[in-house]
Amino acid sequence: MIKALIIILIVLVALFLLTFLMYFFNLDMKLLAALEPKLAKIYDKRKRDPKV
């Protein structure tokens, strides 16, 4: 029982540190900036309704 709690605590701390590092170094926006050209190509190929 204690081992399971320790493992859960370690996993939670690791996830917190990972999200903190992502926030601190702005990695989420850097990833989006790298993906933006690819996403724009997909978006531009979509058929649109001319009535809208």
PDB file of N, CA and C in Angstrom:
ATOM      1  N   MET A   1       0.827  -1.197   0.000  1.00  0.00           N
ATOM      2  CA  MET A   1       0.000   0.000   0.000  1.00  0.00           C
ATOM      3  C   MET A   1       0.870   1.259   0.000  1.00  0.00           C
ATOM      4  N   ILE A   2       1.898   1.263   0.836  1.00  0.00           N
ATOM      5  CA  ILE A   2       2.793   2.422   0.919  1.00  0.00           C
ATOM      6  C   ILE A   2       3.573   2.564  -0.392  1.00  0.00           C
ATOM      7  N   LYS A   3       3.991   1.416  -0.971  1.00  0.00           N
ATOM      8  CA  LYS A   3       4.730   1.465  -2.230  1.00  0.00           C
ATOM      9  C   LYS A   3       3.894   2.105  -3.329  1.00  0.00           C
ATOM     10  N   ALA A   4       2.618   1.757  -3.374  1.00  0.00           N
ATOM     11  CA  ALA A   4       1.732   2.307  -4.397  1.00  0.00           C
ATOM     12  C   ALA A   4       1.584   3.820  -4.224  1.00  0.00           C
ATOM     13  N   LEU A   5       1.456   4.280  -3.012  1.00  0.00           N
ATOM     14  CA  LEU A   5       1.327   5.709  -2.749  1.00  0.00           C
ATOM     15  C   LEU A   5       2.601   6.458  -3.132  1.00  0.00           C
ATOM     16  N   ILE A   6       3.734   5.862  -2.859  1.00  0.00           N
ATOM     17  CA  ILE A   6       5.013   6.483  -3.219  1.00  0.00           C
ATOM     18  C   ILE A   6       5.145   6.581  -4.735  1.00  0.00           C
ATOM     19  N   ILE A   7       4.751   5.532  -5.437  1.00  0.00           N
ATOM     20  CA  ILE A   7       4.823   5.537  -6.898  1.00  0.00           C
ATOM     21  C   ILE A   7       3.883   6.600  -7.469  1.00  0.00           C
ATOM     22  N   ILE A   8       2.681   6.690  -6.930  1.00  0.00           N
ATOM     23  CA  ILE A   8       1.727   7.699  -7.385  1.00  0.00           C
ATOM     24  C   ILE A   8       2.271   9.097  -7.120  1.00  0.00           C
ATOM     25  N   LEU A   9       2.875   9.302  -5.970  1.00  0.00           N
ATOM     26  CA  LEU A   9       3.444  10.599  -5.633  1.00  0.00           C
ATOM     27  C   LEU A   9       4.586  10.953  -6.588  1.00  0.00           C
ATOM     28  N   ILE A  10       5.441  10.001  -6.899  1.00  0.00           N
ATOM     29  CA  ILE A  10       6.553  10.238  -7.824  1.00  0.00           C
ATOM     30  C   ILE A  10       6.024  10.594  -9.215  1.00  0.00           C
ATOM     31  N   VAL A  11       5.002   9.895  -9.671  1.00  0.00           N
ATOM     32  CA  VAL A  11       4.423  10.174 -10.985  1.00  0.00           C
ATOM     33  C   VAL A  11       3.814  11.570 -11.006  1.00  0.00           C
ATOM     34  N   LEU A  12       3.103  11.940  -9.956  1.00  0.00           N
ATOM     35  CA  LEU A  12       2.494  13.272  -9.900  1.00  0.00           C
ATOM     36  C   LEU A  12       3.549  14.376  -9.878  1.00  0.00           C
ATOM     37  N   VAL A  13       4.616  14.182  -9.141  1.00  0.00           N
ATOM     38  CA  VAL A  13       5.691  15.175  -9.091  1.00  0.00           C
ATOM     39  C   VAL A  13       6.368  15.278 -10.458  1.00  0.00           C
ATOM     40  N   ALA A  14       6.591  14.157 -11.107  1.00  0.00           N
ATOM     41  CA  ALA A  14       7.217  14.172 -12.430  1.00  0.00           C
ATOM     42  C   ALA A  14       6.329  14.897 -13.441  1.00  0.00           C
ATOM     43  N   LEU A  15       5.020  14.655 -13.403  1.00  0.00           N
ATOM     44  CA  LEU A  15       4.109  15.344 -14.312  1.00  0.00           C
ATOM     45  C   LEU A  15       4.078  16.845 -14.030  1.00  0.00           C
ATOM     46  N   PHE A  16       4.109  17.211 -12.756  1.00  0.00           N
ATOM     47  CA  PHE A  16       4.133  18.630 -12.407  1.00  0.00           C
ATOM     48  C   PHE A  16       5.404  19.290 -12.928  1.00  0.00           C
ATOM     49  N   LEU A  17       6.543  18.643 -12.748  1.00  0.00           N
ATOM     50  CA  LEU A  17       7.797  19.208 -13.232  1.00  0.00           C
ATOM     51  C   LEU A  17       7.813  19.321 -14.757  1.00  0.00           C
ATOM     52  N   LEU A  18       7.252  18.337 -15.423  1.00  0.00           N
ATOM     53  CA  LEU A  18       7.189  18.381 -16.879  1.00  0.00           C
ATOM     54  C   LEU A  18       6.332  19.551 -17.355  1.00  0.00           C
ATOM     55  N   THR A  19       5.171  19.736 -16.754  1.00  0.00           N
ATOM     56  CA  THR A  19       4.317  20.851 -17.159  1.00  0.00           C
ATOM     57  C   THR A  19       4.947  22.192 -16.783  1.00  0.00           C
ATOM     58  N   PHE A  20       5.659  22.249 -15.669  1.00  0.00           N
ATOM     59  CA  PHE A  20       6.336  23.482 -15.281  1.00  0.00           C
ATOM     60  C   PHE A  20       7.426  23.839 -16.286  1.00  0.00           C
ATOM     61  N   LEU A  21       8.194  22.851 -16.723  1.00  0.00           N
ATOM     62  CA  LEU A  21       9.238  23.099 -17.714  1.00  0.00           C
ATOM     63  C   LEU A  21       8.640  23.538 -19.053  1.00  0.00           C
ATOM     64  N   MET A  22       7.506  22.928 -19.429  1.00  0.00           N
ATOM     65  CA  MET A  22       6.842  23.342 -20.662  1.00  0.00           C
ATOM     66  C   MET A  22       6.400  24.797 -20.565  1.00  0.00           C
ATOM     67  N   TYR A  23       5.880  25.196 -19.429  1.00  0.00           N
ATOM     68  CA  TYR A  23       5.436  26.579 -19.233  1.00  0.00           C
ATOM     69  C   TYR A  23       6.629  27.532 -19.183  1.00  0.00           C
ATOM     70  N   PHE A  24       7.667  27.160 -18.467  1.00  0.00           N
ATOM     71  CA  PHE A  24       8.811  28.036 -18.258  1.00  0.00           C
ATOM     72  C   PHE A  24       9.535  28.340 -19.564  1.00  0.00           C
ATOM     73  N   PHE A  25       9.705  27.329 -20.406  1.00  0.00           N
ATOM     74  CA  PHE A  25      10.426  27.507 -21.663  1.00  0.00           C
ATOM     75  C   PHE A  25       9.497  27.757 -22.853  1.00  0.00           C
ATOM     76  N   ASN A  26       8.199  27.907 -22.598  1.00  0.00           N
ATOM     77  CA  ASN A  26       7.209  28.214 -23.624  1.00  0.00           C
ATOM     78  C   ASN A  26       7.226  27.164 -24.741  1.00  0.00           C
ATOM     79  N   LEU A  27       7.374  25.913 -24.381  1.00  0.00           N
ATOM     80  CA  LEU A  27       7.522  24.853 -25.369  1.00  0.00           C
ATOM     81  C   LEU A  27       6.230  24.573 -26.129  1.00  0.00           C
ATOM     82  N   ASP A  28       5.089  24.833 -25.511  1.00  0.00           N
ATOM     83  CA  ASP A  28       3.838  24.577 -26.205  1.00  0.00           C
ATOM     84  C   ASP A  28       3.683  25.505 -27.407  1.00  0.00           C
ATOM     85  N   MET A  29       4.039  26.765 -27.259  1.00  0.00           N
ATOM     86  CA  MET A  29       3.914  27.700 -28.373  1.00  0.00           C
ATOM     87  C   MET A  29       5.003  27.468 -29.414  1.00  0.00           C
ATOM     88  N   LYS A  30       6.162  27.006 -28.985  1.00  0.00           N
ATOM     89  CA  LYS A  30       7.215  26.686 -29.954  1.00  0.00           C
ATOM     90  C   LYS A  30       6.799  25.494 -30.809  1.00  0.00           C
ATOM     91  N   LEU A  31       6.142  24.519 -30.201  1.00  0.00           N
ATOM     92  CA  LEU A  31       5.642  23.373 -30.951  1.00  0.00           C
ATOM     93  C   LEU A  31       4.568  23.812 -31.933  1.00  0.00           C
ATOM     94  N   LEU A  32       3.666  24.667 -31.494  1.00  0.00           N
ATOM     95  CA  LEU A  32       2.620  25.159 -32.384  1.00  0.00           C
ATOM     96  C   LEU A  32       3.191  25.986 -33.523  1.00  0.00           C
ATOM     97  N   ALA A  33       4.222  26.765 -33.260  1.00  0.00           N
ATOM     98  CA  ALA A  33       4.854  27.554 -34.317  1.00  0.00           C
ATOM     99  C   ALA A  33       5.489  26.638 -35.365  1.00  0.00           C
ATOM    100  N   ALA A  34       6.017  25.512 -34.926  1.00  0.00           N
ATOM    101  CA  ALA A  34       6.615  24.567 -35.870  1.00  0.00           C
ATOM    102  C   ALA A  34       5.544  23.836 -36.677  1.00  0.00           C
ATOM    103  N   LEU A  35       4.382  23.607 -36.081  1.00  0.00           N
ATOM    104  CA  LEU A  35       3.318  22.886 -36.767  1.00  0.00           C
ATOM    105  C   LEU A  35       2.411  23.788 -37.600  1.00  0.00           C
ATOM    106  N   GLU A  36       2.482  25.086 -37.409  1.00  0.00           N
ATOM    107  CA  GLU A  36       1.556  25.997 -38.068  1.00  0.00           C
ATOM    108  C   GLU A  36       1.572  25.901 -39.592  1.00  0.00           C
ATOM    109  N   PRO A  37       2.719  25.848 -40.262  1.00  0.00           N
ATOM    110  CA  PRO A  37       2.683  25.734 -41.729  1.00  0.00           C
ATOM    111  C   PRO A  37       1.983  24.457 -42.208  1.00  0.00           C
ATOM    112  N   LYS A  38       2.212  23.362 -41.511  1.00  0.00           N
ATOM    113  CA  LYS A  38       1.557  22.106 -41.906  1.00  0.00           C
ATOM    114  C   LYS A  38       0.057  22.176 -41.672  1.00  0.00           C
ATOM    115  N   LEU A  39      -0.341  22.756 -40.555  1.00  0.00           N
ATOM    116  CA  LEU A  39      -1.763  22.893 -40.272  1.00  0.00           C
ATOM    117  C   LEU A  39      -2.428  23.872 -41.234  1.00  0.00           C
ATOM    118  N   ALA A  40      -1.714  24.908 -41.640  1.00  0.00           N
ATOM    119  CA  ALA A  40      -2.267  25.881 -42.571  1.00  0.00           C
ATOM    120  C   ALA A  40      -2.528  25.245 -43.930  1.00  0.00           C
ATOM    121  N   LYS A  41      -1.659  24.358 -44.377  1.00  0.00           N
ATOM    122  CA  LYS A  41      -1.875  23.664 -45.649  1.00  0.00           C
ATOM    123  C   LYS A  41      -3.154  22.836 -45.593  1.00  0.00           C
ATOM    124  N   ILE A  42      -3.358  22.135 -44.490  1.00  0.00           N
ATOM    125  CA  ILE A  42      -4.560  21.316 -44.340  1.00  0.00           C
ATOM    126  C   ILE A  42      -5.796  22.211 -44.302  1.00  0.00           C
ATOM    127  N   TYR A  43      -5.714  23.313 -43.589  1.00  0.00           N
ATOM    128  CA  TYR A  43      -6.850  24.221 -43.472  1.00  0.00           C
ATOM    129  C   TYR A  43      -7.173  24.873 -44.819  1.00  0.00           C
ATOM    130  N   ASP A  44      -6.153  25.253 -45.570  1.00  0.00           N
ATOM    131  CA  ASP A  44      -6.372  25.918 -46.844  1.00  0.00           C
ATOM    132  C   ASP A  44      -6.970  24.996 -47.898  1.00  0.00           C
ATOM    133  N   LYS A  45      -6.796  23.690 -47.778  1.00  0.00           N
ATOM    134  CA  LYS A  45      -7.331  22.734 -48.743  1.00  0.00           C
ATOM    135  C   LYS A  45      -8.814  22.443 -48.507  1.00  0.00           C
ATOM    136  N   ARG A  46      -9.350  22.856 -47.374  1.00  0.00           N
ATOM    137  CA  ARG A  46     -10.753  22.566 -47.054  1.00  0.00           C
ATOM    138  C   ARG A  46     -11.687  23.257 -48.028  1.00  0.00           C
ATOM    139  N   LYS A  47     -12.770  22.548 -48.354  1.00  0.00           N
ATOM    140  CA  LYS A  47     -13.799  23.162 -49.176  1.00  0.00           C
ATOM    141  C   LYS A  47     -14.653  24.043 -48.266  1.00  0.00           C
ATOM    142  N   ARG A  48     -14.995  25.210 -48.807  1.00  0.00           N
ATOM    143  CA  ARG A  48     -15.798  26.139 -48.021  1.00  0.00           C
ATOM    144  C   ARG A  48     -17.134  26.393 -48.686  1.00  0.00           C
ATOM    145  N   ASP A  49     -18.106  26.709 -47.859  1.00  0.00           N
ATOM    146  CA  ASP A  49     -19.425  27.065 -48.356  1.00  0.00           C
ATOM    147  C   ASP A  49     -19.405  28.549 -48.732  1.00  0.00           C
ATOM    148  N   PRO A  50     -19.623  28.884 -49.990  1.00  0.00           N
ATOM    149  CA  PRO A  50     -19.534  30.293 -50.395  1.00  0.00           C
ATOM    150  C   PRO A  50     -20.640  31.162 -49.797  1.00  0.00           C
ATOM    151  N   LYS A  51     -21.709  30.563 -49.285  1.00  0.00           N
ATOM    152  CA  LYS A  51     -22.818  31.338 -48.721  1.00  0.00           C
ATOM    153  C   LYS A  51     -22.492  31.933 -47.365  1.00  0.00           C
ATOM    154  N   VAL A  52     -21.507  31.386 -46.695  1.00  0.00           N
ATOM    155  CA  VAL A  52     -21.207  31.836 -45.332  1.00  0.00           C
ATOM    156  C   VAL A  52     -20.396  33.097 -45.333  1.00  0.00           C
TER     157      VAL A  52
END
